[in-house]
Amino acid sequence: MNKHKKIPHFKTEQEERKFWASHDSADYLDWSKAQHAVFPNLKTSTRTISIRLPEDLLARIQSQANQRDVPYQSYIKVILAESMDGKKKPLRHSECGEKETADRF
């Protein structure tokens, strides 16, 4: 016997978001039968930012990116991601000044 409620049809994504924010999905789905899904072509959302870098730091980043044959902005994203994932030593609060940060690269 199916003890789960039927998932309603939604007219908009916003309507669906509002529904799931106030309802427990366990009432509608049997999570014990869930399967792991992989979306290899899904791109994460990006946001354009502006950052000021010392010219010598930018030149070194561009040089290293060129040696790896990747665009320097992509290389910066790799450096940031590795740092956030713990693959690089994180900055201590006292190291957050522009000169100290620039010297790390």
Foldseek 3Di string as FASTA:
>chain_A
DDQADDDDDDPDPVRVVVVCVPDDCVNHDDCVPDDDDDDVPDDDDDDDDDDDADPVLLVVLCVVCVVVPHHSVVSVVVVVVCQVVVVDDHDDPVQPDRVSVSVVD
